């Protein structure tokens, strides 16, 4: 299921790692756990704000802290731990930050052994691009701007 080549100069998403589209991946993974994922065109309920952890865009379940890579093409989340039981097993919408491009630009210049093991590439909602730039300066990382 994994793709062999993941680029080192980007913050990765589901599509960079997995061959299956996100919805199919969830349905396949859920079936292996004897869980029933909602229909592909199911209604979303609730919202999750994505964040960057070790160079990966992540959506985290607010109920059980299960987490998955965010999909570039399908901005929804279904927890493979609890099945989104708290919202009647419905898909939740995933929101990306408005300044995503600027955030990624500051993070990808940070050193990393591999893009999916980039322990210095982190961002949380509430942090600004200026915060990331300040951190880069503090750690002698050359800025793109």
N, C-alpha and C. Protein backbone atom coordinates (compact mmCIF):
# COMPACT_ATOMS: atom_id res chain seq x y z
N UNK A 1 0.80 -1.19 0.00
CA UNK A 1 0.00 0.00 0.00
C UNK A 1 0.84 1.26 0.00
N UNK A 2 2.08 1.21 0.46
CA UNK A 2 2.90 2.41 0.52
C UNK A 2 3.56 2.70 -0.82
N UNK A 3 3.71 3.98 -1.11
CA UNK A 3 4.43 4.40 -2.30
C UNK A 3 5.92 4.37 -1.99
N UNK A 4 6.74 3.97 -2.94
CA UNK A 4 8.18 3.82 -2.65
C UNK A 4 8.94 5.13 -2.50
N UNK A 5 8.56 6.17 -3.22
CA UNK A 5 9.32 7.42 -3.20
C UNK A 5 8.48 8.56 -2.65
N UNK A 6 8.88 9.07 -1.51
CA UNK A 6 8.22 10.22 -0.91
C UNK A 6 9.19 11.39 -1.00
N UNK A 7 8.76 12.52 -1.58
CA UNK A 7 9.68 13.65 -1.71
C UNK A 7 10.13 14.19 -0.35
N UNK A 8 11.39 14.65 -0.29
CA UNK A 8 11.94 15.16 0.96
C UNK A 8 11.69 16.65 1.16
N UNK A 9 11.20 17.33 0.12
CA UNK A 9 11.08 18.79 0.20
C UNK A 9 9.63 19.25 0.33
N UNK A 10 8.80 18.45 0.99
CA UNK A 10 7.43 18.87 1.21
C UNK A 10 6.89 18.27 2.50
N UNK A 11 5.82 18.86 3.00
CA UNK A 11 5.11 18.30 4.14
C UNK A 11 4.16 17.26 3.54
N UNK A 12 4.27 16.04 3.99
CA UNK A 12 3.57 14.96 3.30
C UNK A 12 2.11 14.81 3.74
N UNK A 13 1.34 14.25 2.82
CA UNK A 13 -0.07 13.97 3.04
C UNK A 13 -0.33 12.50 2.74
N UNK A 14 -1.55 12.09 2.92
CA UNK A 14 -1.95 10.70 2.68
C UNK A 14 -1.48 10.21 1.31
N UNK A 15 -1.70 11.01 0.28
CA UNK A 15 -1.40 10.60 -1.09
C UNK A 15 0.10 10.39 -1.35
N UNK A 16 0.94 11.00 -0.53
CA UNK A 16 2.38 10.81 -0.69
C UNK A 16 2.83 9.44 -0.20
N UNK A 17 2.04 8.81 0.65
CA UNK A 17 2.43 7.55 1.26
C UNK A 17 1.60 6.37 0.76
N UNK A 18 0.31 6.56 0.61
CA UNK A 18 -0.58 5.44 0.28
C UNK A 18 -1.09 5.49 -1.15
N UNK A 19 -1.22 4.33 -1.76
CA UNK A 19 -1.71 4.21 -3.13
C UNK A 19 -3.23 4.38 -3.20
N UNK A 20 -3.93 3.88 -2.20
CA UNK A 20 -5.39 3.98 -2.20
C UNK A 20 -5.85 5.40 -1.88
N UNK A 21 -6.89 5.88 -2.57
CA UNK A 21 -7.49 7.16 -2.16
C UNK A 21 -7.94 7.06 -0.70
N UNK A 22 -8.00 8.18 -0.02
CA UNK A 22 -8.28 8.18 1.42
C UNK A 22 -9.56 7.42 1.79
N UNK A 23 -10.67 7.70 1.12
CA UNK A 23 -11.92 7.03 1.45
C UNK A 23 -11.82 5.52 1.31
N UNK A 24 -11.18 5.05 0.25
CA UNK A 24 -10.98 3.61 0.07
C UNK A 24 -10.05 3.05 1.13
N UNK A 25 -9.01 3.80 1.48
CA UNK A 25 -8.08 3.39 2.53
C UNK A 25 -8.82 3.20 3.86
N UNK A 26 -9.67 4.15 4.20
CA UNK A 26 -10.43 4.06 5.45
C UNK A 26 -11.35 2.85 5.42
N UNK A 27 -12.07 2.66 4.33
CA UNK A 27 -12.99 1.52 4.24
C UNK A 27 -12.23 0.19 4.33
N UNK A 28 -11.10 0.10 3.64
CA UNK A 28 -10.29 -1.12 3.68
C UNK A 28 -9.76 -1.36 5.09
N UNK A 29 -9.17 -0.32 5.70
CA UNK A 29 -8.60 -0.47 7.03
C UNK A 29 -9.68 -0.78 8.07
N UNK A 30 -10.83 -0.14 7.94
CA UNK A 30 -11.93 -0.40 8.87
C UNK A 30 -12.41 -1.84 8.76
N UNK A 31 -12.51 -2.34 7.54
CA UNK A 31 -12.99 -3.72 7.36
C UNK A 31 -12.04 -4.73 7.98
N UNK A 32 -10.75 -4.43 7.97
CA UNK A 32 -9.77 -5.33 8.58
C UNK A 32 -9.88 -5.33 10.10
N UNK A 33 -10.54 -4.31 10.65
CA UNK A 33 -10.76 -4.22 12.09
C UNK A 33 -12.20 -4.57 12.46
N UNK A 34 -12.95 -5.10 11.50
CA UNK A 34 -14.38 -5.42 11.68
C UNK A 34 -15.19 -4.19 12.05
N UNK A 35 -14.83 -3.06 11.45
CA UNK A 35 -15.56 -1.81 11.65
C UNK A 35 -16.29 -1.47 10.36
N UNK A 36 -17.35 -0.69 10.45
CA UNK A 36 -18.12 -0.28 9.28
C UNK A 36 -17.95 1.22 9.06
N UNK A 37 -17.15 1.59 8.06
CA UNK A 37 -16.98 3.00 7.74
C UNK A 37 -18.22 3.52 7.02
N UNK A 38 -18.53 4.81 7.15
CA UNK A 38 -19.71 5.36 6.47
C UNK A 38 -19.55 5.34 4.96
N UNK A 39 -20.65 5.52 4.27
CA UNK A 39 -20.65 5.54 2.81
C UNK A 39 -19.68 6.59 2.29
N UNK A 40 -19.16 6.36 1.09
CA UNK A 40 -18.21 7.29 0.48
C UNK A 40 -18.78 8.71 0.40
N UNK A 41 -20.06 8.83 0.14
CA UNK A 41 -20.65 10.15 0.01
C UNK A 41 -21.35 10.58 1.30
N UNK A 42 -20.94 9.99 2.41
CA UNK A 42 -21.57 10.30 3.70
C UNK A 42 -21.42 11.76 4.08
N UNK A 43 -22.35 12.23 4.87
CA UNK A 43 -22.36 13.62 5.33
C UNK A 43 -21.30 13.78 6.41
N UNK A 44 -20.57 14.89 6.34
CA UNK A 44 -19.59 15.17 7.38
C UNK A 44 -20.25 15.85 8.56
N UNK A 45 -19.71 15.65 9.74
CA UNK A 45 -20.25 16.24 10.95
C UNK A 45 -19.07 16.65 11.83
N UNK A 46 -19.01 17.92 12.18
CA UNK A 46 -17.90 18.39 13.00
C UNK A 46 -16.70 18.75 12.14
N UNK A 47 -15.72 19.34 12.79
CA UNK A 47 -14.53 19.78 12.06
C UNK A 47 -13.28 19.50 12.89
N UNK A 48 -12.23 19.14 12.19
CA UNK A 48 -10.92 18.91 12.80
C UNK A 48 -9.93 19.83 12.10
N UNK A 49 -9.10 20.51 12.87
CA UNK A 49 -8.08 21.38 12.30
C UNK A 49 -6.79 20.57 12.17
N UNK A 50 -6.25 20.53 10.97
CA UNK A 50 -5.02 19.78 10.72
C UNK A 50 -3.83 20.48 11.35
N UNK A 51 -2.80 19.69 11.66
CA UNK A 51 -1.53 20.23 12.17
C UNK A 51 -0.39 19.43 11.56
N UNK A 52 0.83 19.94 11.72
CA UNK A 52 2.00 19.25 11.18
C UNK A 52 2.77 18.63 12.33
N UNK A 53 3.05 17.35 12.19
CA UNK A 53 3.84 16.60 13.17
C UNK A 53 4.90 15.83 12.41
N UNK A 54 6.15 16.13 12.70
CA UNK A 54 7.30 15.46 12.08
C UNK A 54 7.19 15.42 10.56
N UNK A 55 6.77 16.54 9.98
CA UNK A 55 6.73 16.67 8.53
C UNK A 55 5.51 16.07 7.86
N UNK A 56 4.48 15.78 8.64
CA UNK A 56 3.27 15.16 8.09
C UNK A 56 2.04 15.97 8.49
N UNK A 57 1.13 16.22 7.53
CA UNK A 57 -0.15 16.84 7.88
C UNK A 57 -1.00 15.78 8.55
N UNK A 58 -1.47 16.08 9.78
CA UNK A 58 -2.19 15.12 10.61
C UNK A 58 -3.56 15.66 10.99
N UNK A 59 -4.53 14.75 11.02
CA UNK A 59 -5.85 15.03 11.60
C UNK A 59 -5.96 14.11 12.81
N UNK A 60 -6.33 14.68 13.95
CA UNK A 60 -6.41 13.91 15.19
C UNK A 60 -7.84 13.88 15.71
N UNK A 61 -8.28 12.71 16.09
CA UNK A 61 -9.62 12.53 16.63
C UNK A 61 -9.74 13.28 17.96
N UNK A 62 -10.74 14.15 18.10
CA UNK A 62 -10.91 14.88 19.35
C UNK A 62 -11.47 14.01 20.48
N UNK A 63 -11.89 12.81 20.15
CA UNK A 63 -12.51 11.94 21.15
C UNK A 63 -11.55 10.91 21.73
N UNK A 64 -10.69 10.33 20.89
CA UNK A 64 -9.81 9.26 21.40
C UNK A 64 -8.34 9.50 21.10
N UNK A 65 -8.03 10.60 20.40
CA UNK A 65 -6.66 10.97 20.03
C UNK A 65 -6.06 10.07 18.95
N UNK A 66 -6.87 9.24 18.27
CA UNK A 66 -6.40 8.52 17.10
C UNK A 66 -6.04 9.54 16.03
N UNK A 67 -5.05 9.25 15.21
CA UNK A 67 -4.62 10.23 14.22
C UNK A 67 -4.27 9.56 12.91
N UNK A 68 -4.42 10.33 11.83
CA UNK A 68 -4.11 9.84 10.48
C UNK A 68 -3.56 10.97 9.64
N UNK A 69 -2.89 10.59 8.56
CA UNK A 69 -2.44 11.58 7.59
C UNK A 69 -3.65 12.24 6.94
N UNK A 70 -3.54 13.53 6.69
CA UNK A 70 -4.60 14.27 6.01
C UNK A 70 -4.52 13.98 4.51
N UNK A 71 -5.68 13.85 3.89
CA UNK A 71 -5.74 13.66 2.44
C UNK A 71 -5.68 15.01 1.74
N UNK A 72 -4.93 15.06 0.67
CA UNK A 72 -4.84 16.27 -0.15
C UNK A 72 -6.14 16.50 -0.92
N UNK A 73 -6.82 15.44 -1.28
CA UNK A 73 -8.00 15.54 -2.15
C UNK A 73 -9.32 15.32 -1.43
N UNK A 74 -9.31 14.66 -0.30
CA UNK A 74 -10.54 14.39 0.45
C UNK A 74 -10.39 14.98 1.85
N UNK A 75 -10.91 16.14 2.08
CA UNK A 75 -10.76 16.83 3.35
C UNK A 75 -11.78 16.33 4.36
N UNK A 76 -11.64 15.06 4.72
CA UNK A 76 -12.51 14.47 5.72
C UNK A 76 -11.72 13.47 6.55
N UNK A 77 -12.29 13.10 7.69
CA UNK A 77 -11.59 12.22 8.62
C UNK A 77 -12.59 11.24 9.22
N UNK A 78 -12.17 9.99 9.31
CA UNK A 78 -12.94 8.97 10.01
C UNK A 78 -11.94 8.18 10.84
N UNK A 79 -12.11 8.21 12.14
CA UNK A 79 -11.14 7.62 13.07
C UNK A 79 -11.17 6.10 12.99
N UNK A 80 -10.01 5.53 12.77
CA UNK A 80 -9.90 4.07 12.70
C UNK A 80 -9.75 3.44 14.08
N UNK A 81 -9.80 4.26 15.13
CA UNK A 81 -9.80 3.73 16.49
C UNK A 81 -11.22 3.68 17.05
N UNK A 82 -11.91 4.82 17.03
CA UNK A 82 -13.25 4.88 17.64
C UNK A 82 -14.38 4.97 16.62
N UNK A 83 -14.04 5.13 15.34
CA UNK A 83 -15.08 5.20 14.32
C UNK A 83 -15.92 6.46 14.37
N UNK A 84 -15.41 7.50 15.00
CA UNK A 84 -16.16 8.76 15.15
C UNK A 84 -17.50 8.51 15.85
N UNK A 85 -17.50 7.61 16.82
CA UNK A 85 -18.73 7.24 17.53
C UNK A 85 -19.42 8.46 18.15
N UNK A 86 -18.65 9.43 18.62
CA UNK A 86 -19.23 10.60 19.29
C UNK A 86 -20.09 11.45 18.36
N UNK A 87 -19.88 11.31 17.05
CA UNK A 87 -20.70 12.05 16.07
C UNK A 87 -21.49 11.06 15.21
N UNK A 88 -21.96 10.02 15.86
CA UNK A 88 -22.80 9.01 15.22
C UNK A 88 -22.12 8.36 14.01
N UNK A 89 -20.81 8.14 14.12
CA UNK A 89 -20.01 7.43 13.12
C UNK A 89 -19.94 8.16 11.77
N UNK A 90 -20.16 9.46 11.76
CA UNK A 90 -20.13 10.25 10.52
C UNK A 90 -18.71 10.75 10.23
N UNK A 91 -18.47 11.08 8.98
CA UNK A 91 -17.21 11.72 8.60
C UNK A 91 -17.14 13.09 9.26
N UNK A 92 -15.92 13.51 9.58
CA UNK A 92 -15.68 14.87 10.06
C UNK A 92 -14.89 15.63 8.98
N UNK A 93 -15.16 16.91 8.87
CA UNK A 93 -14.45 17.76 7.91
C UNK A 93 -13.06 18.09 8.47
N UNK A 94 -12.05 18.12 7.59
CA UNK A 94 -10.69 18.53 7.98
C UNK A 94 -10.42 19.90 7.38
N UNK A 95 -10.04 20.84 8.24
CA UNK A 95 -9.72 22.19 7.79
C UNK A 95 -8.21 22.39 7.80
N UNK A 96 -7.70 22.88 6.69
CA UNK A 96 -6.29 23.23 6.58
C UNK A 96 -6.14 24.72 6.88
N UNK A 97 -4.96 25.16 7.35
CA UNK A 97 -4.77 26.58 7.66
C UNK A 97 -4.77 27.43 6.39
N UNK A 98 -5.24 28.66 6.53
CA UNK A 98 -5.26 29.58 5.39
C UNK A 98 -3.87 29.85 4.83
N UNK A 99 -2.87 29.88 5.70
CA UNK A 99 -1.50 30.19 5.26
C UNK A 99 -0.67 28.91 5.10
N UNK A 100 -1.30 27.87 4.62
CA UNK A 100 -0.63 26.58 4.48
C UNK A 100 0.67 26.68 3.67
N UNK A 101 0.63 27.34 2.54
CA UNK A 101 1.82 27.43 1.68
C UNK A 101 2.99 28.09 2.41
N UNK A 102 2.72 29.17 3.12
CA UNK A 102 3.77 29.87 3.86
C UNK A 102 4.29 29.02 5.02
N UNK A 103 3.39 28.32 5.69
CA UNK A 103 3.79 27.43 6.79
C UNK A 103 4.72 26.34 6.25
N UNK A 104 4.31 25.70 5.17
CA UNK A 104 5.13 24.64 4.58
C UNK A 104 6.49 25.16 4.12
N UNK A 105 6.51 26.37 3.55
CA UNK A 105 7.77 26.95 3.08
C UNK A 105 8.77 27.12 4.22
N UNK A 106 8.29 27.50 5.39
CA UNK A 106 9.18 27.66 6.54
C UNK A 106 9.60 26.31 7.13
N UNK A 107 8.73 25.32 7.06
CA UNK A 107 9.05 24.02 7.64
C UNK A 107 9.99 23.18 6.77
N UNK A 108 9.82 23.22 5.46
CA UNK A 108 10.62 22.32 4.61
C UNK A 108 12.10 22.71 4.54
N UNK A 109 12.44 23.93 4.96
CA UNK A 109 13.86 24.28 4.97
C UNK A 109 14.57 23.76 6.22
N UNK A 110 13.79 23.23 7.15
CA UNK A 110 14.40 22.66 8.36
C UNK A 110 15.00 21.30 8.02
N UNK A 111 16.11 20.96 8.67
CA UNK A 111 16.77 19.69 8.35
C UNK A 111 15.89 18.49 8.69
N UNK A 112 16.03 17.44 7.87
CA UNK A 112 15.28 16.20 8.10
C UNK A 112 16.00 15.04 7.44
N UNK A 113 16.04 13.92 8.13
CA UNK A 113 16.64 12.72 7.55
C UNK A 113 15.81 12.24 6.37
N UNK A 114 14.48 12.25 6.55
CA UNK A 114 13.52 11.90 5.52
C UNK A 114 12.27 12.73 5.75
N UNK A 115 11.48 12.94 4.71
CA UNK A 115 10.30 13.79 4.87
C UNK A 115 9.29 13.23 5.86
N UNK A 116 9.22 11.91 5.99
CA UNK A 116 8.25 11.32 6.92
C UNK A 116 8.85 11.06 8.30
N UNK A 117 10.07 11.49 8.51
CA UNK A 117 10.70 11.39 9.83
C UNK A 117 11.43 12.69 10.15
N UNK A 118 10.71 13.77 9.91
CA UNK A 118 11.29 15.10 10.03
C UNK A 118 10.93 15.69 11.40
N UNK A 119 11.69 15.32 12.41
CA UNK A 119 11.32 15.69 13.78
C UNK A 119 11.36 17.19 14.05
N UNK A 120 12.00 17.96 13.18
CA UNK A 120 12.06 19.41 13.38
C UNK A 120 10.95 20.15 12.64
N UNK A 121 10.14 19.44 11.88
CA UNK A 121 9.09 20.07 11.07
C UNK A 121 7.73 19.89 11.75
N UNK A 122 7.38 20.86 12.58
CA UNK A 122 6.14 20.80 13.35
C UNK A 122 5.45 22.15 13.33
N UNK A 123 4.12 22.13 13.31
CA UNK A 123 3.31 23.34 13.37
C UNK A 123 1.99 23.00 14.04
N UNK A 124 1.53 23.87 14.92
CA UNK A 124 0.24 23.70 15.60
C UNK A 124 -0.65 24.90 15.31
N UNK A 125 -1.96 24.68 15.22
CA UNK A 125 -2.87 25.81 15.06
C UNK A 125 -2.61 26.84 16.15
N UNK A 126 -2.61 28.09 15.76
CA UNK A 126 -2.29 29.17 16.70
C UNK A 126 -0.89 29.70 16.50
N UNK A 127 0.01 28.88 15.96
CA UNK A 127 1.35 29.36 15.64
C UNK A 127 1.27 30.14 14.33
N UNK A 128 1.99 31.23 14.26
CA UNK A 128 2.00 32.06 13.05
C UNK A 128 3.21 31.72 12.18
N UNK A 129 3.18 32.20 10.96
CA UNK A 129 4.33 32.06 10.07
C UNK A 129 5.51 32.79 10.70
N UNK A 130 5.25 33.91 11.33
CA UNK A 130 6.32 34.66 11.99
C UNK A 130 6.94 33.85 13.14
N UNK A 131 6.12 33.08 13.85
CA UNK A 131 6.65 32.20 14.90
C UNK A 131 7.62 31.19 14.29
N UNK A 132 7.25 30.62 13.17
CA UNK A 132 8.12 29.64 12.51
C UNK A 132 9.41 30.29 12.03
N UNK A 133 9.30 31.48 11.47
CA UNK A 133 10.49 32.20 11.02
C UNK A 133 11.42 32.50 12.19
N UNK A 134 10.86 32.93 13.33
CA UNK A 134 11.66 33.20 14.53
C UNK A 134 12.38 31.93 14.99
N UNK A 135 11.66 30.80 15.01
CA UNK A 135 12.28 29.53 15.40
C UNK A 135 13.41 29.16 14.44
N UNK A 136 13.20 29.40 13.15
CA UNK A 136 14.24 29.10 12.17
C UNK A 136 15.50 29.93 12.43
N UNK A 137 15.31 31.20 12.73
CA UNK A 137 16.45 32.08 13.04
C UNK A 137 17.16 31.60 14.31
N UNK A 138 16.37 31.27 15.34
CA UNK A 138 16.94 30.80 16.61
C UNK A 138 17.78 29.52 16.43
N UNK A 139 17.43 28.72 15.42
CA UNK A 139 18.15 27.45 15.21
C UNK A 139 19.05 27.50 13.98
N UNK A 140 19.37 28.73 13.53
CA UNK A 140 20.28 28.93 12.40
C UNK A 140 19.84 28.24 11.12
N UNK A 141 18.55 28.22 10.88
CA UNK A 141 18.02 27.68 9.63
C UNK A 141 17.82 28.86 8.69
N UNK A 142 18.35 28.76 7.48
CA UNK A 142 18.25 29.85 6.52
C UNK A 142 16.82 29.90 5.98
N UNK A 143 16.23 31.09 6.02
CA UNK A 143 14.85 31.28 5.58
C UNK A 143 14.75 31.43 4.08
N UNK A 144 13.61 31.03 3.54
CA UNK A 144 13.32 31.21 2.12
C UNK A 144 12.91 32.64 1.79
N UNK A 145 12.58 33.42 2.80
CA UNK A 145 12.08 34.78 2.53
C UNK A 145 13.12 35.82 2.80
